[in-house]
Structures are given as structure tokens and as C-alpha cells.
Amino acid sequence: MGTDAQLVADFARYLDVERGRSANTTRAYLGDLASLSAFLRGDPDDTSGPFDDADPSSRPGGSPDVLLGARLPDLRAWLGSMSRSGAARSTMGRRVASIRTFYDWALRSGRIEADPAVKLTAAKRNRHLPAILTAPAAQEVLTAAALASDDDDPVAVRDLAMLELLYASGLRVGELAGLDIDDVDLAARTATVFGKGSRERVVPFGVPAGAALDRWLTTGRARLVTADSGPALFLGRRGRRVDQRQVRTAVHAATSRTPGGTDLAPHGLRHTAATHLLDGGADLRTVQELLGHRSLATTQLYTHVSIERLKESYARAHPRA
């Protein structure tokens, strides 16, 4: 294994074991490192590459590990090339996070003496207020889903339970799909969730979600369960654990077919739940705990949503608005 390849393999183990990063995050970070390494080595068809790969001494510090030998100007040049190729600000932000995490790890593990990425920054992301449902529209979506389940089709019963739980708890789609039966306590109306970084939290849900879950468990799941179902809470028609794509399909269908609704992804129901909690008087810390955010700054996005809704209501209602 080449030196850079071994270095990346060690970093991958660090992300997985010590940082508890998800498989998707780790894959994205390693992809960013591969991109940086290729840039630093220089494309054979592009003579503008920063290093002559046949001459290790041409690399910063003469290092045979191009990643460890990079300097701040090299990192900025790499980001500049990404920006010129049309990379989105969100992608650029993640790449900066990837590289900063890598070099911080390399410094603390004694692989380098100075962190070249400590002053690396990306342009601020454009803030887009998330699309949400109004409270009446959310009620319409759930009422329509309940009516669709009147014939007791197990998938319709399942979809109602998923929609109720997503709106009641603000779960991420992956958290919902990963739930097992024993993770849900119907008597206490709580669900134990394993979120990002394998962090465990307990989230409450209300009476309607509890009733929908009870109906799913007693009349829906039993008709789909197979030897392959295992402990999964939500199942597909073939009896296997529901996947994120199936959850997204169900949410898109339910929100788009309702007159008062807006075509949303599951994350839209998460945004909706957070906003309605704040509108109802919940404090930021409570919402932060419910959503499983590490940083309160992430949760504060929803205060902007609520303020925008307040301003719209004011403009419609106040005689001197």
C-alpha cells in the first residue's frame, strides 16, 4: 500500500472508531482527500499541476507523502480549482471541513509539525430557509393519510405511522428507517434513536403518533412480516426493513397530493416539526435536544423561519404594516 493510501486508511479508521462518523460522511471525507491528493500530484495531462511526480523533492518539504507535504497556498489552490469548476458552496464547505479534520488529526497524531489548514476557510453558505408546512396544511396531510389507510392496506397503515412519527418527533429519515420494535415504548410514548455519530437520544411523540404506531404494529406489520424482517419496526411489502428511499417516496406522495400541502422530503417534516414547536413556545434547548443537534447554532435556523412567518402574519393583519 502506498504511503498516501496507508495514511488515508489510518484516517478512515480514526473517523470510524474515534469520531463515530457515519459511513456516508467518511466516504465523502475520503473522496475529498483523494481529490486533493490527485491535485497535489498533478494530472499527467495537465502540466500546471503543482508537483512533478517523478521528482519527490519538488513537493513541499521534499515529502514522498503529498498530503503531508501540502502548504496553505496548495490547499487554497485546490479549493480554487473546485470553485472554478462550479462546485456549490455547500460542497466547498464540506471540503474545507474534510481537510481541516484531516490535518488536525495528522498534527495531533505526530505526522506533521504544523497544520497547514488551520487558516483555511470557505465562503459562507447562502442561507435558505427550509420549506415547511403550515400547521393547517400538516393536519390536512395527516388526515389524508389516515383516510388513505381506511381500507387497512398494510403499506398505507405503515405510511400513516411513519408520517405521524416524523412530524411528531422531527426524526431524520435514516433514524426512522433504523428503528427497531424495542426502540419504541408506546406506554411512555417515546422512541430511542441512534443519530449522527451513533449518539443515542430519547424523543417523545404525541397521542396521534402513538395510536398510528399501535395500529401499525397490531394490524399492519403482522401482515408483512417474514423470516427476513428481524426486529425492524417499519417494513416494506416484501417484509424487509424499510429503506430511506421508500420513506422519501411515502412523504413526497402524501405531501404533494394534499391541496394544502407542499411537496416535501422527510427532512421537510423535520423542519416543520421544529418550527411548529418554536411557534408553540418551546425553547431552543428543548428543540435542540429533540432534533439531536450538537450545536445550538444549527437549531437557531428555525427561529429565522418562525420570525419570517411572524412577519408575514403581521403584514397581512396589521392595519399599518
Protein backbone atom coordinates (compact mmCIF):
# COMPACT_ATOMS: atom_id res chain seq x y z
CA MET A 1 0.00 0.00 0.00
CA GLY A 2 1.39 3.41 -0.93
CA THR A 3 2.23 5.90 1.76
CA ASP A 4 -0.69 8.20 0.99
CA ALA A 5 -3.04 5.21 0.76
CA GLN A 6 -1.91 3.96 4.18
CA LEU A 7 -2.31 7.45 5.58
CA VAL A 8 -5.89 7.67 4.29
CA ALA A 9 -6.67 4.19 5.63
CA ASP A 10 -5.46 5.27 9.10
CA PHE A 11 -7.57 8.43 8.87
CA ALA A 12 -10.63 6.38 7.87
CA ARG A 13 -10.22 4.24 11.00
CA TYR A 14 -9.96 7.41 13.09
CA LEU A 15 -13.20 8.76 11.62
CA ASP A 16 -14.98 5.48 12.24
CA VAL A 17 -13.64 4.42 15.63
CA GLU A 18 -12.80 7.66 17.43
CA ARG A 19 -15.13 10.19 15.84
CA GLY A 20 -18.04 7.84 15.14
CA ARG A 21 -18.70 9.39 11.74
CA SER A 22 -21.39 7.85 9.56
CA ALA A 23 -20.39 5.75 6.57
CA ASN A 24 -21.64 8.50 4.23
CA THR A 25 -19.58 11.18 5.97
CA THR A 26 -16.46 9.03 5.97
CA ARG A 27 -16.94 8.25 2.28
CA ALA A 28 -17.31 11.95 1.48
CA TYR A 29 -14.21 12.92 3.51
CA LEU A 30 -12.08 10.24 1.86
CA GLY A 31 -13.31 11.33 -1.56
CA ASP A 32 -12.20 14.86 -0.77
CA LEU A 33 -8.76 13.60 0.29
CA ALA A 34 -8.46 11.60 -2.93
CA SER A 35 -9.30 14.73 -4.90
CA LEU A 36 -6.73 16.78 -3.02
CA SER A 37 -4.07 14.10 -3.41
CA ALA A 38 -4.66 13.91 -7.17
CA PHE A 39 -4.44 17.69 -7.43
CA LEU A 40 -1.20 17.83 -5.46
CA ARG A 41 0.37 15.06 -7.51
CA GLY A 42 -0.63 16.77 -10.74
CA ASP A 43 -2.65 15.39 -13.63
CA PRO A 44 -0.30 13.80 -16.20
CA ASP A 45 -2.29 15.61 -18.89
CA ASP A 46 -2.09 18.92 -17.06
CA THR A 47 1.37 20.45 -16.83
CA SER A 48 0.04 23.13 -14.50
CA GLY A 49 -0.05 20.63 -11.63
CA PRO A 50 1.84 21.87 -8.55
CA PHE A 51 4.33 18.96 -8.38
CA ASP A 52 6.49 16.90 -10.68
CA ASP A 53 5.54 13.36 -9.61
CA ALA A 54 8.85 12.00 -10.93
CA ASP A 55 10.76 14.30 -8.58
CA PRO A 56 9.70 13.96 -4.92
CA SER A 57 11.95 16.87 -3.98
CA SER A 58 9.72 19.17 -5.98
CA ARG A 59 6.93 18.61 -3.45
CA PRO A 60 6.72 20.87 -0.39
CA GLY A 61 9.45 19.84 2.02
CA GLY A 62 10.54 17.06 -0.36
CA SER A 63 7.96 14.75 1.26
CA PRO A 64 7.03 11.49 -0.51
CA ASP A 65 3.55 11.90 1.05
CA VAL A 66 1.96 14.71 -0.93
CA LEU A 67 -0.87 15.10 1.57
CA LEU A 68 1.50 15.61 4.47
CA GLY A 69 3.70 17.94 2.45
CA ALA A 70 0.95 20.35 1.39
CA ARG A 71 1.00 24.00 2.40
CA LEU A 72 -1.81 26.50 2.84
CA PRO A 73 -1.36 28.00 -0.68
CA ASP A 74 -1.66 24.49 -2.14
CA LEU A 75 -4.91 23.88 -0.28
CA ARG A 76 -6.28 27.23 -1.39
CA ALA A 77 -5.29 26.46 -4.99
CA TRP A 78 -7.16 23.15 -4.80
CA LEU A 79 -10.28 24.83 -3.44
CA GLY A 80 -9.96 27.49 -6.11
CA SER A 81 -9.95 24.86 -8.83
CA MET A 82 -13.07 23.30 -7.31
CA SER A 83 -14.80 26.68 -7.18
CA ARG A 84 -13.96 27.47 -10.78
CA SER A 85 -15.41 24.13 -11.83
CA GLY A 86 -18.77 25.21 -10.37
CA ALA A 87 -18.84 23.38 -7.03
CA ALA A 88 -21.69 24.53 -4.79
CA ARG A 89 -20.94 26.49 -1.62
CA SER A 90 -22.27 23.63 0.49
CA THR A 91 -19.83 21.25 -1.23
CA MET A 92 -16.98 23.68 -0.73
CA GLY A 93 -17.87 23.96 2.94
CA ARG A 94 -17.76 20.21 3.36
CA ARG A 95 -14.40 20.00 1.60
CA VAL A 96 -12.94 22.57 3.96
CA ALA A 97 -14.30 20.56 6.90
CA SER A 98 -12.78 17.37 5.47
CA ILE A 99 -9.35 18.86 5.03
CA ARG A 100 -9.33 20.68 8.35
CA THR A 101 -10.30 17.46 10.13
CA PHE A 102 -7.59 15.51 8.31
CA TYR A 103 -4.76 17.92 9.09
CA ASP A 104 -5.88 18.38 12.69
CA TRP A 105 -5.70 14.59 13.07
CA ALA A 106 -2.30 14.47 11.32
CA LEU A 107 -0.93 17.13 13.67
CA ARG A 108 -2.24 15.52 16.85
CA SER A 109 -1.00 12.10 15.78
CA GLY A 110 2.52 13.44 15.18
CA ARG A 111 2.52 13.04 11.41
CA ILE A 112 3.14 16.74 10.75
CA GLU A 113 4.67 19.54 12.82
CA ALA A 114 2.35 22.34 11.69
CA ASP A 115 -1.27 22.35 10.49
CA PRO A 116 -1.47 23.94 7.01
CA ALA A 117 -5.27 24.03 7.11
CA VAL A 118 -5.74 25.92 10.36
CA LYS A 119 -6.44 29.18 8.47
CA LEU A 120 -8.38 27.52 5.66
CA THR A 121 -11.87 28.95 5.23
CA ALA A 122 -14.70 28.62 2.74
CA ALA A 123 -17.19 31.19 1.57
CA LYS A 124 -20.24 31.40 3.78
CA ARG A 125 -23.13 29.26 2.60
CA ASN A 126 -26.22 31.01 1.31
CA ARG A 127 -28.87 30.69 3.96
CA HIS A 128 -32.04 29.19 2.51
CA LEU A 129 -34.99 28.99 4.83
CA PRO A 130 -36.32 25.43 4.68
CA ALA A 131 -39.68 24.71 3.10
CA ILE A 132 -42.25 23.70 5.70
CA LEU A 133 -45.96 23.01 6.08
CA THR A 134 -48.23 25.35 7.96
CA ALA A 135 -49.99 23.77 10.92
CA PRO A 136 -53.32 23.50 9.00
CA ALA A 137 -51.51 22.00 5.99
CA ALA A 138 -49.76 19.45 8.21
CA GLN A 139 -53.16 18.50 9.62
CA GLU A 140 -54.53 18.10 6.08
CA VAL A 141 -51.61 15.85 5.08
CA LEU A 142 -52.09 13.60 8.10
CA THR A 143 -55.86 13.50 7.71
CA ALA A 144 -55.49 12.49 4.05
CA ALA A 145 -53.01 9.76 5.04
CA ALA A 146 -55.46 8.47 7.64
CA LEU A 147 -58.25 8.34 5.07
CA ALA A 148 -55.96 6.51 2.65
CA SER A 149 -55.40 3.85 5.31
CA ASP A 150 -59.12 3.21 5.89
CA ASP A 151 -59.07 0.05 3.77
CA ASP A 152 -56.38 -1.35 6.12
CA ASP A 153 -53.81 -1.82 3.36
CA PRO A 154 -50.70 -2.51 5.46
CA VAL A 155 -48.47 -0.15 3.47
CA ALA A 156 -50.99 2.69 3.87
CA VAL A 157 -51.18 1.95 7.61
CA ARG A 158 -47.38 1.99 7.72
CA ASP A 159 -47.16 5.27 5.80
CA LEU A 160 -49.56 6.93 8.23
CA ALA A 161 -47.47 5.73 11.19
CA MET A 162 -44.24 6.99 9.56
CA LEU A 163 -45.75 10.39 8.74
CA GLU A 164 -47.18 10.83 12.23
CA LEU A 165 -43.88 9.88 13.86
CA LEU A 166 -41.77 12.08 11.57
CA TYR A 167 -43.95 15.10 12.26
CA ALA A 168 -44.31 14.35 15.98
CA SER A 169 -40.61 13.79 16.68
CA GLY A 170 -38.56 15.54 14.00
CA LEU A 171 -36.60 12.35 13.27
CA ARG A 172 -34.15 12.16 10.40
CA VAL A 173 -35.14 9.73 7.65
CA GLY A 174 -32.23 7.42 8.47
CA GLU A 175 -33.17 7.41 12.15
CA LEU A 176 -36.75 6.46 11.30
CA ALA A 177 -35.70 3.66 8.94
CA GLY A 178 -33.28 2.31 11.54
CA LEU A 179 -35.82 1.95 14.35
CA ASP A 180 -36.45 -1.48 15.83
CA ILE A 181 -39.65 -2.54 17.61
CA ASP A 182 -37.97 -2.44 21.01
CA ASP A 183 -36.85 1.16 20.40
CA VAL A 184 -40.46 2.33 20.75
CA ASP A 185 -42.25 2.49 24.10
CA LEU A 186 -45.94 3.01 23.36
CA ALA A 187 -46.87 3.31 27.03
CA ALA A 188 -44.39 6.13 27.61
CA ARG A 189 -44.79 7.43 24.04
CA THR A 190 -41.04 7.67 23.48
CA ALA A 191 -38.59 6.36 20.89
CA THR A 192 -34.91 5.65 21.47
CA VAL A 193 -32.95 6.88 18.47
CA PHE A 194 -29.37 6.45 17.36
CA GLY A 195 -28.48 9.59 15.45
CA LYS A 196 -25.36 11.02 13.84
CA GLY A 197 -22.14 9.78 15.37
CA SER A 198 -24.10 6.91 16.99
CA ARG A 199 -25.34 9.33 19.64
CA GLU A 200 -28.37 7.98 21.48
CA ARG A 201 -31.31 10.15 22.44
CA VAL A 202 -34.88 9.57 23.57
CA VAL A 203 -37.59 11.53 21.79
CA PRO A 204 -41.23 11.88 22.81
CA PHE A 205 -44.22 11.67 20.50
CA GLY A 206 -47.87 12.52 20.95
CA VAL A 207 -51.14 10.60 21.17
CA PRO A 208 -51.91 10.55 17.40
CA ALA A 209 -48.46 9.16 16.57
CA GLY A 210 -48.84 6.60 19.36
CA ALA A 211 -52.20 5.48 18.02
CA ALA A 212 -50.86 5.20 14.47
CA LEU A 213 -47.88 3.17 15.66
CA ASP A 214 -50.08 0.87 17.73
CA ARG A 215 -52.33 0.26 14.73
CA TRP A 216 -49.31 -0.45 12.51
CA LEU A 217 -47.87 -2.94 14.99
CA THR A 218 -51.14 -4.76 15.61
CA THR A 219 -52.79 -4.79 12.19
CA GLY A 220 -50.20 -3.74 9.57
CA ARG A 221 -46.77 -5.13 10.37
CA ALA A 222 -48.13 -8.60 11.17
CA ARG A 223 -49.35 -8.91 7.57
CA LEU A 224 -45.94 -8.05 6.08
CA VAL A 225 -43.55 -9.74 8.48
CA THR A 226 -41.34 -12.56 7.11
CA ALA A 227 -38.34 -14.53 8.28
CA ASP A 228 -36.17 -11.70 6.91
CA SER A 229 -37.89 -8.95 8.89
CA GLY A 230 -35.83 -9.21 12.04
CA PRO A 231 -36.58 -6.56 14.69
CA ALA A 232 -37.22 -3.76 12.17
CA LEU A 233 -40.12 -1.50 13.14
CA PHE A 234 -41.12 -0.44 9.63
CA LEU A 235 -41.26 -2.96 6.77
CA GLY A 236 -41.69 -2.86 3.01
CA ARG A 237 -44.14 -5.00 1.07
CA ARG A 238 -41.61 -7.84 0.89
CA GLY A 239 -41.15 -7.87 4.64
CA ARG A 240 -37.67 -6.37 4.80
CA ARG A 241 -36.71 -3.26 6.75
CA VAL A 242 -37.97 -0.16 5.00
CA ASP A 243 -35.19 1.85 3.36
CA GLN A 244 -34.75 5.61 3.16
CA ARG A 245 -35.93 5.71 -0.46
CA GLN A 246 -39.26 4.14 0.49
CA VAL A 247 -39.73 6.65 3.30
CA ARG A 248 -39.00 9.54 0.95
CA THR A 249 -41.45 8.20 -1.63
CA ALA A 250 -44.18 7.96 1.01
CA VAL A 251 -43.58 11.50 2.27
CA HIS A 252 -43.42 13.02 -1.22
CA ALA A 253 -46.67 11.27 -2.17
CA ALA A 254 -48.50 12.34 0.97
CA THR A 255 -47.43 15.99 0.91
CA SER A 256 -47.81 16.58 -2.82
CA ARG A 257 -51.31 15.12 -3.21
CA THR A 258 -52.85 17.22 -0.43
CA PRO A 259 -54.40 20.55 -1.59
CA GLY A 260 -52.95 22.49 1.34
CA GLY A 261 -49.64 20.68 1.28
CA THR A 262 -46.26 21.31 -0.30
CA ASP A 263 -44.15 18.59 -1.90
CA LEU A 264 -41.64 17.88 0.84
CA ALA A 265 -38.92 15.37 1.60
CA PRO A 266 -38.80 13.77 5.07
CA HIS A 267 -36.37 16.49 6.17
CA GLY A 268 -39.13 18.97 5.38
CA LEU A 269 -41.28 17.32 8.06
CA ARG A 270 -38.32 17.61 10.44
CA HIS A 271 -38.13 21.35 9.67
CA THR A 272 -41.89 21.60 10.09
CA ALA A 273 -41.85 19.89 13.48
CA ALA A 274 -39.07 22.16 14.77
CA THR A 275 -40.77 25.32 13.55
CA HIS A 276 -44.17 24.40 14.99
CA LEU A 277 -42.55 23.60 18.34
CA LEU A 278 -40.95 27.03 18.45
CA ASP A 279 -44.18 28.67 17.30
CA GLY A 280 -45.91 26.89 20.17
CA GLY A 281 -43.50 28.25 22.76
CA ALA A 282 -40.84 25.53 23.08
CA ASP A 283 -37.39 26.85 23.95
CA LEU A 284 -34.37 26.38 21.71
CA ARG A 285 -32.62 23.97 24.07
CA THR A 286 -35.62 21.65 24.07
CA VAL A 287 -35.79 21.65 20.28
CA GLN A 288 -32.03 21.12 20.08
CA GLU A 289 -32.33 18.03 22.29
CA LEU A 290 -35.30 16.71 20.34
CA LEU A 291 -33.57 17.05 16.98
CA GLY A 292 -30.21 15.78 18.20
CA HIS A 293 -28.23 18.84 17.12
CA ARG A 294 -24.74 19.15 18.56
CA SER A 295 -24.73 22.91 18.17
CA LEU A 296 -27.44 25.30 19.23
CA ALA A 297 -26.50 27.42 16.20
CA THR A 298 -27.95 24.72 13.95
CA THR A 299 -31.26 24.82 15.80
CA GLN A 300 -31.37 28.61 15.59
CA LEU A 301 -32.10 28.30 11.88
CA TYR A 302 -35.69 27.54 12.83
CA THR A 303 -36.04 30.81 14.74
CA HIS A 304 -35.49 32.56 11.40
CA VAL A 305 -38.30 30.50 9.91
CA SER A 306 -40.61 31.46 12.77
CA ILE A 307 -39.67 35.13 12.51
CA GLU A 308 -40.42 35.08 8.77
CA ARG A 309 -43.81 33.53 9.49
CA LEU A 310 -44.47 36.16 12.16
CA LYS A 311 -43.56 38.97 9.76
CA GLU A 312 -45.85 37.53 7.07
CA SER A 313 -48.74 37.32 9.54
CA TYR A 314 -48.04 40.86 10.73
CA ALA A 315 -48.01 42.17 7.17
CA ARG A 316 -51.37 40.55 6.46
CA ALA A 317 -53.08 41.52 9.70
CA HIS A 318 -51.74 44.84 10.97
CA PRO A 319 -53.51 47.96 9.60
CA ARG A 320 -50.26 49.93 9.49
CA ALA A 321 -47.96 47.10 8.37
